[in-house]
PDB file of N, CA and C in Angstrom:
ATOM      1  N   UNK A   1      89.747 102.440 100.821  1.00  0.00           N
ATOM      2  CA  UNK A   1      88.329 102.593 101.072  1.00  0.00           C
ATOM      3  C   UNK A   1      87.812 103.912 100.502  1.00  0.00           C
ATOM      4  N   UNK A   2      88.661 104.620  99.855  1.00  0.00           N
ATOM      5  CA  UNK A   2      88.237 105.883  99.274  1.00  0.00           C
ATOM      6  C   UNK A   2      87.104 105.670  98.293  1.00  0.00           C
ATOM      7  N   UNK A   3      86.129 106.538  98.366  1.00  0.00           N
ATOM      8  CA  UNK A   3      85.003 106.540  97.425  1.00  0.00           C
ATOM      9  C   UNK A   3      84.336 105.169  97.285  1.00  0.00           C
ATOM     10  N   UNK A   4      84.177 104.511  98.422  1.00  0.00           N
ATOM     11  CA  UNK A   4      83.589 103.173  98.416  1.00  0.00           C
ATOM     12  C   UNK A   4      82.255 103.115  97.665  1.00  0.00           C
ATOM     13  N   UNK A   5      81.305 104.017  97.962  1.00  0.00           N
ATOM     14  CA  UNK A   5      80.011 103.885  97.259  1.00  0.00           C
ATOM     15  C   UNK A   5      80.149 103.974  95.736  1.00  0.00           C
ATOM     16  N   UNK A   6      81.006 104.849  95.262  1.00  0.00           N
ATOM     17  CA  UNK A   6      81.190 104.983  93.824  1.00  0.00           C
ATOM     18  C   UNK A   6      81.803 103.719  93.239  1.00  0.00           C
ATOM     19  N   UNK A   7      82.849 103.233  93.868  1.00  0.00           N
ATOM     20  CA  UNK A   7      83.520 102.021  93.372  1.00  0.00           C
ATOM     21  C   UNK A   7      82.598 100.810  93.446  1.00  0.00           C
ATOM     22  N   UNK A   8      81.873 100.677  94.549  1.00  0.00           N
ATOM     23  CA  UNK A   8      80.950  99.551  94.692  1.00  0.00           C
ATOM     24  C   UNK A   8      79.857  99.619  93.638  1.00  0.00           C
ATOM     25  N   UNK A   9      79.334 100.811  93.398  1.00  0.00           N
ATOM     26  CA  UNK A   9      78.311 100.983  92.379  1.00  0.00           C
ATOM     27  C   UNK A   9      78.808 100.633  91.000  1.00  0.00           C
ATOM     28  N   UNK A  10      80.033 101.018  90.705  1.00  0.00           N
ATOM     29  CA  UNK A  10      80.620 100.693  89.383  1.00  0.00           C
ATOM     30  C   UNK A  10      80.793  99.195  89.228  1.00  0.00           C
ATOM     31  N   UNK A  11      81.219  98.530  90.285  1.00  0.00           N
ATOM     32  CA  UNK A  11      81.369  97.062  90.194  1.00  0.00           C
ATOM     33  C   UNK A  11      80.012  96.386  90.051  1.00  0.00           C
ATOM     34  N   UNK A  12      79.018  96.865  90.784  1.00  0.00           N
ATOM     35  CA  UNK A  12      77.663  96.289  90.655  1.00  0.00           C
ATOM     36  C   UNK A  12      77.122  96.480  89.230  1.00  0.00           C
ATOM     37  N   UNK A  13      77.316  97.676  88.688  1.00  0.00           N
ATOM     38  CA  UNK A  13      76.882  97.938  87.311  1.00  0.00           C
ATOM     39  C   UNK A  13      77.600  97.004  86.328  1.00  0.00           C
ATOM     40  N   UNK A  14      78.903  96.791  86.578  1.00  0.00           N
ATOM     41  CA  UNK A  14      79.677  95.920  85.698  1.00  0.00           C
ATOM     42  C   UNK A  14      79.184  94.479  85.774  1.00  0.00           C
ATOM     43  N   UNK A  15      78.754  94.055  86.953  1.00  0.00           N
ATOM     44  CA  UNK A  15      78.211  92.691  87.098  1.00  0.00           C
ATOM     45  C   UNK A  15      76.940  92.563  86.257  1.00  0.00           C
ATOM     46  N   UNK A  16      76.082  93.556  86.376  1.00  0.00           N
ATOM     47  CA  UNK A  16      74.819  93.534  85.629  1.00  0.00           C
ATOM     48  C   UNK A  16      75.060  93.561  84.122  1.00  0.00           C
ATOM     49  N   UNK A  17      76.033  94.342  83.694  1.00  0.00           N
ATOM     50  CA  UNK A  17      76.289  94.502  82.254  1.00  0.00           C
ATOM     51  C   UNK A  17      77.210  93.434  81.683  1.00  0.00           C
ATOM     52  N   UNK A  18      77.724  92.546  82.520  1.00  0.00           N
ATOM     53  CA  UNK A  18      78.687  91.556  82.059  1.00  0.00           C
ATOM     54  C   UNK A  18      78.090  90.651  80.983  1.00  0.00           C
ATOM     55  N   UNK A  19      78.860  90.406  79.949  1.00  0.00           N
ATOM     56  CA  UNK A  19      78.357  89.554  78.853  1.00  0.00           C
ATOM     57  C   UNK A  19      78.306  88.072  79.209  1.00  0.00           C
ATOM     58  N   UNK A  20      79.072  87.687  80.244  1.00  0.00           N
ATOM     59  CA  UNK A  20      79.045  86.276  80.656  1.00  0.00           C
ATOM     60  C   UNK A  20      79.467  86.156  82.107  1.00  0.00           C
ATOM     61  N   UNK A  21      79.361  84.974  82.623  1.00  0.00           N
ATOM     62  CA  UNK A  21      79.618  84.766  84.061  1.00  0.00           C
ATOM     63  C   UNK A  21      81.085  84.945  84.428  1.00  0.00           C
ATOM     64  N   UNK A  22      81.981  84.697  83.493  1.00  0.00           N
ATOM     65  CA  UNK A  22      83.409  84.861  83.772  1.00  0.00           C
ATOM     66  C   UNK A  22      83.737  86.317  84.057  1.00  0.00           C
ATOM     67  N   UNK A  23      83.210  87.204  83.253  1.00  0.00           N
ATOM     68  CA  UNK A  23      83.424  88.638  83.441  1.00  0.00           C
ATOM     69  C   UNK A  23      82.699  89.104  84.699  1.00  0.00           C
ATOM     70  N   UNK A  24      81.479  88.615  84.928  1.00  0.00           N
ATOM     71  CA  UNK A  24      80.711  88.984  86.101  1.00  0.00           C
ATOM     72  C   UNK A  24      81.448  88.570  87.373  1.00  0.00           C
ATOM     73  N   UNK A  25      82.078  87.391  87.349  1.00  0.00           N
ATOM     74  CA  UNK A  25      82.794  86.890  88.515  1.00  0.00           C
ATOM     75  C   UNK A  25      83.949  87.807  88.892  1.00  0.00           C
ATOM     76  N   UNK A  26      84.677  88.324  87.956  1.00  0.00           N
ATOM     77  CA  UNK A  26      85.779  89.248  88.235  1.00  0.00           C
ATOM     78  C   UNK A  26      85.276  90.461  89.020  1.00  0.00           C
ATOM     79  N   UNK A  27      84.158  91.017  88.567  1.00  0.00           N
ATOM     80  CA  UNK A  27      83.589  92.192  89.230  1.00  0.00           C
ATOM     81  C   UNK A  27      82.938  91.830  90.566  1.00  0.00           C
ATOM     82  N   UNK A  28      82.392  90.625  90.679  1.00  0.00           N
ATOM     83  CA  UNK A  28      81.788  90.187  91.929  1.00  0.00           C
ATOM     84  C   UNK A  28      82.879  90.032  93.013  1.00  0.00           C
ATOM     85  N   UNK A  29      84.024  89.531  92.636  1.00  0.00           N
ATOM     86  CA  UNK A  29      85.141  89.390  93.582  1.00  0.00           C
ATOM     87  C   UNK A  29      85.589  90.778  94.063  1.00  0.00           C
ATOM     88  N   UNK A  30      85.696  91.720  93.142  1.00  0.00           N
ATOM     89  CA  UNK A  30      86.078  93.095  93.512  1.00  0.00           C
ATOM     90  C   UNK A  30      85.043  93.713  94.464  1.00  0.00           C
ATOM     91  N   UNK A  31      83.765  93.486  94.163  1.00  0.00           N
ATOM     92  CA  UNK A  31      82.697  94.019  95.015  1.00  0.00           C
ATOM     93  C   UNK A  31      82.767  93.378  96.399  1.00  0.00           C
ATOM     94  N   UNK A  32      83.035  92.101  96.472  1.00  0.00           N
ATOM     95  CA  UNK A  32      83.159  91.408  97.767  1.00  0.00           C
ATOM     96  C   UNK A  32      84.331  91.979  98.566  1.00  0.00           C
ATOM     97  N   UNK A  33      85.443  92.267  97.905  1.00  0.00           N
ATOM     98  CA  UNK A  33      86.604  92.851  98.587  1.00  0.00           C
ATOM     99  C   UNK A  33      86.285  94.248  99.120  1.00  0.00           C
ATOM    100  N   UNK A  34      85.575  95.031  98.332  1.00  0.00           N
ATOM    101  CA  UNK A  34      85.182  96.366  98.783  1.00  0.00           C
ATOM    102  C   UNK A  34      84.241  96.292  99.972  1.00  0.00           C
ATOM    103  N   UNK A  35      83.310  95.360  99.916  1.00  0.00           N
ATOM    104  CA  UNK A  35      82.347  95.182 101.002  1.00  0.00           C
ATOM    105  C   UNK A  35      83.059  94.741 102.289  1.00  0.00           C
ATOM    106  N   UNK A  36      83.983  93.818 102.164  1.00  0.00           N
ATOM    107  CA  UNK A  36      84.743  93.361 103.329  1.00  0.00           C
ATOM    108  C   UNK A  36      85.524  94.541 103.931  1.00  0.00           C
ATOM    109  N   UNK A  37      86.119  95.372 103.083  1.00  0.00           N
ATOM    110  CA  UNK A  37      86.851  96.522 103.579  1.00  0.00           C
ATOM    111  C   UNK A  37      85.958  97.506 104.316  1.00  0.00           C
ATOM    112  N   UNK A  38      84.750  97.686 103.832  1.00  0.00           N
ATOM    113  CA  UNK A  38      83.806  98.592 104.504  1.00  0.00           C
ATOM    114  C   UNK A  38      83.367  98.042 105.850  1.00  0.00           C
ATOM    115  N   UNK A  39      83.239  96.737 105.945  1.00  0.00           N
ATOM    116  CA  UNK A  39      82.770  96.111 107.195  1.00  0.00           C
ATOM    117  C   UNK A  39      83.915  95.951 108.198  1.00  0.00           C
ATOM    118  N   UNK A  40      84.994  95.371 107.779  1.00  0.00           N
ATOM    119  CA  UNK A  40      86.091  95.012 108.663  1.00  0.00           C
ATOM    120  C   UNK A  40      87.147  96.123 108.750  1.00  0.00           C
ATOM    121  N   UNK A  41      87.406  96.796 107.631  1.00  0.00           N
ATOM    122  CA  UNK A  41      88.444  97.815 107.557  1.00  0.00           C
ATOM    123  C   UNK A  41      89.602  97.311 106.733  1.00  0.00           C
ATOM    124  N   UNK A  42      90.595  98.173 106.548  1.00  0.00           N
ATOM    125  CA  UNK A  42      91.761  97.831 105.737  1.00  0.00           C
ATOM    126  C   UNK A  42      93.047  98.227 106.477  1.00  0.00           C
ATOM    127  N   UNK A  43      94.062  97.412 106.408  1.00  0.00           N
ATOM    128  CA  UNK A  43      95.357  97.741 106.998  1.00  0.00           C
ATOM    129  C   UNK A  43      96.116  98.630 106.012  1.00  0.00           C
ATOM    130  N   UNK A  44      95.815  99.912 106.025  1.00  0.00           N
ATOM    131  CA  UNK A  44      96.356 100.846 105.056  1.00  0.00           C
ATOM    132  C   UNK A  44      97.856 101.031 105.224  1.00  0.00           C
ATOM    133  N   UNK A  45      98.326 101.122 106.463  1.00  0.00           N
ATOM    134  CA  UNK A  45      99.757 101.398 106.679  1.00  0.00           C
ATOM    135  C   UNK A  45     100.625 100.151 106.795  1.00  0.00           C
ATOM    136  N   UNK A  46     100.039  98.962 106.670  1.00  0.00           N
ATOM    137  CA  UNK A  46     100.813  97.731 106.656  1.00  0.00           C
ATOM    138  C   UNK A  46     101.407  97.309 107.974  1.00  0.00           C
ATOM    139  N   UNK A  47     100.848  97.797 109.106  1.00  0.00           N
ATOM    140  CA  UNK A  47     101.403  97.415 110.414  1.00  0.00           C
ATOM    141  C   UNK A  47     100.770  96.157 110.982  1.00  0.00           C
ATOM    142  N   UNK A  48      99.906  95.515 110.220  1.00  0.00           N
ATOM    143  CA  UNK A  48      99.283  94.272 110.675  1.00  0.00           C
ATOM    144  C   UNK A  48      98.049  94.483 111.520  1.00  0.00           C
ATOM    145  N   UNK A  49      97.633  95.734 111.703  1.00  0.00           N
ATOM    146  CA  UNK A  49      96.490  96.026 112.534  1.00  0.00           C
ATOM    147  C   UNK A  49      95.507  96.925 111.757  1.00  0.00           C
ATOM    148  N   UNK A  50      94.259  96.832 112.131  1.00  0.00           N
ATOM    149  CA  UNK A  50      93.233  97.736 111.605  1.00  0.00           C
ATOM    150  C   UNK A  50      92.767  98.586 112.764  1.00  0.00           C
ATOM    151  N   UNK A  51      93.008  99.873 112.703  1.00  0.00           N
ATOM    152  CA  UNK A  51      92.655 100.758 113.814  1.00  0.00           C
ATOM    153  C   UNK A  51      91.747 101.878 113.333  1.00  0.00           C
ATOM    154  N   UNK A  52      91.371 102.723 114.256  1.00  0.00           N
ATOM    155  CA  UNK A  52      90.446 103.808 113.943  1.00  0.00           C
ATOM    156  C   UNK A  52      91.129 104.965 113.223  1.00  0.00           C
ATOM    157  N   UNK A  53      92.434 105.023 113.265  1.00  0.00           N
ATOM    158  CA  UNK A  53      93.112 106.145 112.590  1.00  0.00           C
ATOM    159  C   UNK A  53      93.621 105.741 111.208  1.00  0.00           C
ATOM    160  N   UNK A  54      94.152 106.647 110.496  1.00  0.00           N
ATOM    161  CA  UNK A  54      94.701 106.430 109.153  1.00  0.00           C
ATOM    162  C   UNK A  54      93.666 105.918 108.151  1.00  0.00           C
ATOM    163  N   UNK A  55      92.409 106.243 108.367  1.00  0.00           N
ATOM    164  CA  UNK A  55      91.338 105.813 107.462  1.00  0.00           C
ATOM    165  C   UNK A  55      91.292 104.298 107.270  1.00  0.00           C
ATOM    166  N   UNK A  56      91.609 103.543 108.328  1.00  0.00           N
ATOM    167  CA  UNK A  56      91.645 102.095 108.220  1.00  0.00           C
ATOM    168  C   UNK A  56      90.338 101.452 108.664  1.00  0.00           C
ATOM    169  N   UNK A  57      89.682 102.028 109.647  1.00  0.00           N
ATOM    170  CA  UNK A  57      88.557 101.373 110.286  1.00  0.00           C
ATOM    171  C   UNK A  57      87.326 101.260 109.435  1.00  0.00           C
ATOM    172  N   UNK A  58      86.676 100.106 109.540  1.00  0.00           N
ATOM    173  CA  UNK A  58      85.392  99.902 108.926  1.00  0.00           C
ATOM    174  C   UNK A  58      84.308  99.955 109.978  1.00  0.00           C
ATOM    175  N   UNK A  59      83.152  99.400 109.672  1.00  0.00           N
ATOM    176  CA  UNK A  59      82.038  99.412 110.612  1.00  0.00           C
ATOM    177  C   UNK A  59      82.345  98.632 111.893  1.00  0.00           C
ATOM    178  N   UNK A  60      83.153  97.598 111.791  1.00  0.00           N
ATOM    179  CA  UNK A  60      83.498  96.808 112.984  1.00  0.00           C
ATOM    180  C   UNK A  60      84.281  97.681 113.978  1.00  0.00           C
ATOM    181  N   UNK A  61      85.223  98.448 113.488  1.00  0.00           N
ATOM    182  CA  UNK A  61      86.016  99.332 114.346  1.00  0.00           C
ATOM    183  C   UNK A  61      85.137 100.432 114.918  1.00  0.00           C
ATOM    184  N   UNK A  62      84.271 100.981 114.101  1.00  0.00           N
ATOM    185  CA  UNK A  62      83.351 102.034 114.563  1.00  0.00           C
ATOM    186  C   UNK A  62      82.458 101.512 115.684  1.00  0.00           C
ATOM    187  N   UNK A  63      81.963 100.272 115.524  1.00  0.00           N
ATOM    188  CA  UNK A  63      81.105  99.673 116.540  1.00  0.00           C
ATOM    189  C   UNK A  63      81.879  99.466 117.844  1.00  0.00           C
ATOM    190  N   UNK A  64      83.110  99.015 117.735  1.00  0.00           N
ATOM    191  CA  UNK A  64      83.943  98.823 118.935  1.00  0.00           C
ATOM    192  C   UNK A  64      84.115 100.139 119.690  1.00  0.00           C
ATOM    193  N   UNK A  65      84.433 101.199 118.968  1.00  0.00           N
ATOM    194  CA  UNK A  65      84.670 102.484 119.624  1.00  0.00           C
ATOM    195  C   UNK A  65      83.368 103.075 120.170  1.00  0.00           C
ATOM    196  N   UNK A  66      82.258 102.829 119.515  1.00  0.00           N
ATOM    197  CA  UNK A  66      80.972 103.277 120.050  1.00  0.00           C
ATOM    198  C   UNK A  66      80.700 102.582 121.370  1.00  0.00           C
ATOM    199  N   UNK A  67      81.014 101.305 121.447  1.00  0.00           N
ATOM    200  CA  UNK A  67      80.867 100.582 122.703  1.00  0.00           C
ATOM    201  C   UNK A  67      81.720 101.156 123.806  1.00  0.00           C
ATOM    202  N   UNK A  68      82.947 101.544 123.477  1.00  0.00           N
ATOM    203  CA  UNK A  68      83.825 102.170 124.467  1.00  0.00           C
ATOM    204  C   UNK A  68      83.276 103.493 124.951  1.00  0.00           C
ATOM    205  N   UNK A  69      82.727 104.279 124.054  1.00  0.00           N
ATOM    206  CA  UNK A  69      82.143 105.581 124.422  1.00  0.00           C
ATOM    207  C   UNK A  69      80.930 105.362 125.321  1.00  0.00           C
ATOM    208  N   UNK A  70      80.062 104.451 124.940  1.00  0.00           N
ATOM    209  CA  UNK A  70      78.881 104.179 125.755  1.00  0.00           C
ATOM    210  C   UNK A  70      79.257 103.696 127.151  1.00  0.00           C
ATOM    211  N   UNK A  71      80.261 102.807 127.211  1.00  0.00           N
ATOM    212  CA  UNK A  71      80.704 102.300 128.509  1.00  0.00           C
ATOM    213  C   UNK A  71      81.283 103.431 129.368  1.00  0.00           C
ATOM    214  N   UNK A  72      82.071 104.290 128.765  1.00  0.00           N
ATOM    215  CA  UNK A  72      82.646 105.431 129.501  1.00  0.00           C
ATOM    216  C   UNK A  72      81.588 106.370 130.026  1.00  0.00           C
ATOM    217  N   UNK A  73      80.482 106.481 129.320  1.00  0.00           N
ATOM    218  CA  UNK A  73      79.371 107.336 129.724  1.00  0.00           C
ATOM    219  C   UNK A  73      78.400 106.628 130.664  1.00  0.00           C
ATOM    220  N   UNK A  74      78.655 105.330 130.934  1.00  0.00           N
ATOM    221  CA  UNK A  74      77.769 104.580 131.799  1.00  0.00           C
ATOM    222  C   UNK A  74      76.467 104.191 131.136  1.00  0.00           C
ATOM    223  N   UNK A  75      76.460 104.122 129.815  1.00  0.00           N
ATOM    224  CA  UNK A  75      75.260 103.778 129.072  1.00  0.00           C
ATOM    225  C   UNK A  75      75.317 102.349 128.554  1.00  0.00           C
ATOM    226  N   UNK A  76      74.149 101.758 128.357  1.00  0.00           N
ATOM    227  CA  UNK A  76      74.096 100.414 127.824  1.00  0.00           C
ATOM    228  C   UNK A  76      73.796 100.456 126.327  1.00  0.00           C
ATOM    229  N   UNK A  77      74.180  99.405 125.647  1.00  0.00           N
ATOM    230  CA  UNK A  77      73.882  99.297 124.219  1.00  0.00           C
ATOM    231  C   UNK A  77      72.431  98.961 124.022  1.00  0.00           C
TER     232      UNK A  77
END
């Protein structure tokens, strides 16, 4: 997930500049994978789990932990 905005931007630019749909599709798949990683997270250490540590967590993990913090503080979402 390192440098996601840069990598995503490069893939988007490559889609726009693609000479045909076959080339665009390759970059679209890469962009979709990057987007999924940003949302869901990545199993960086290969333990079968996506957690908040080891730079694995995406927005889904961040949302889960925000919910835990709010609950611990007695606050509602």
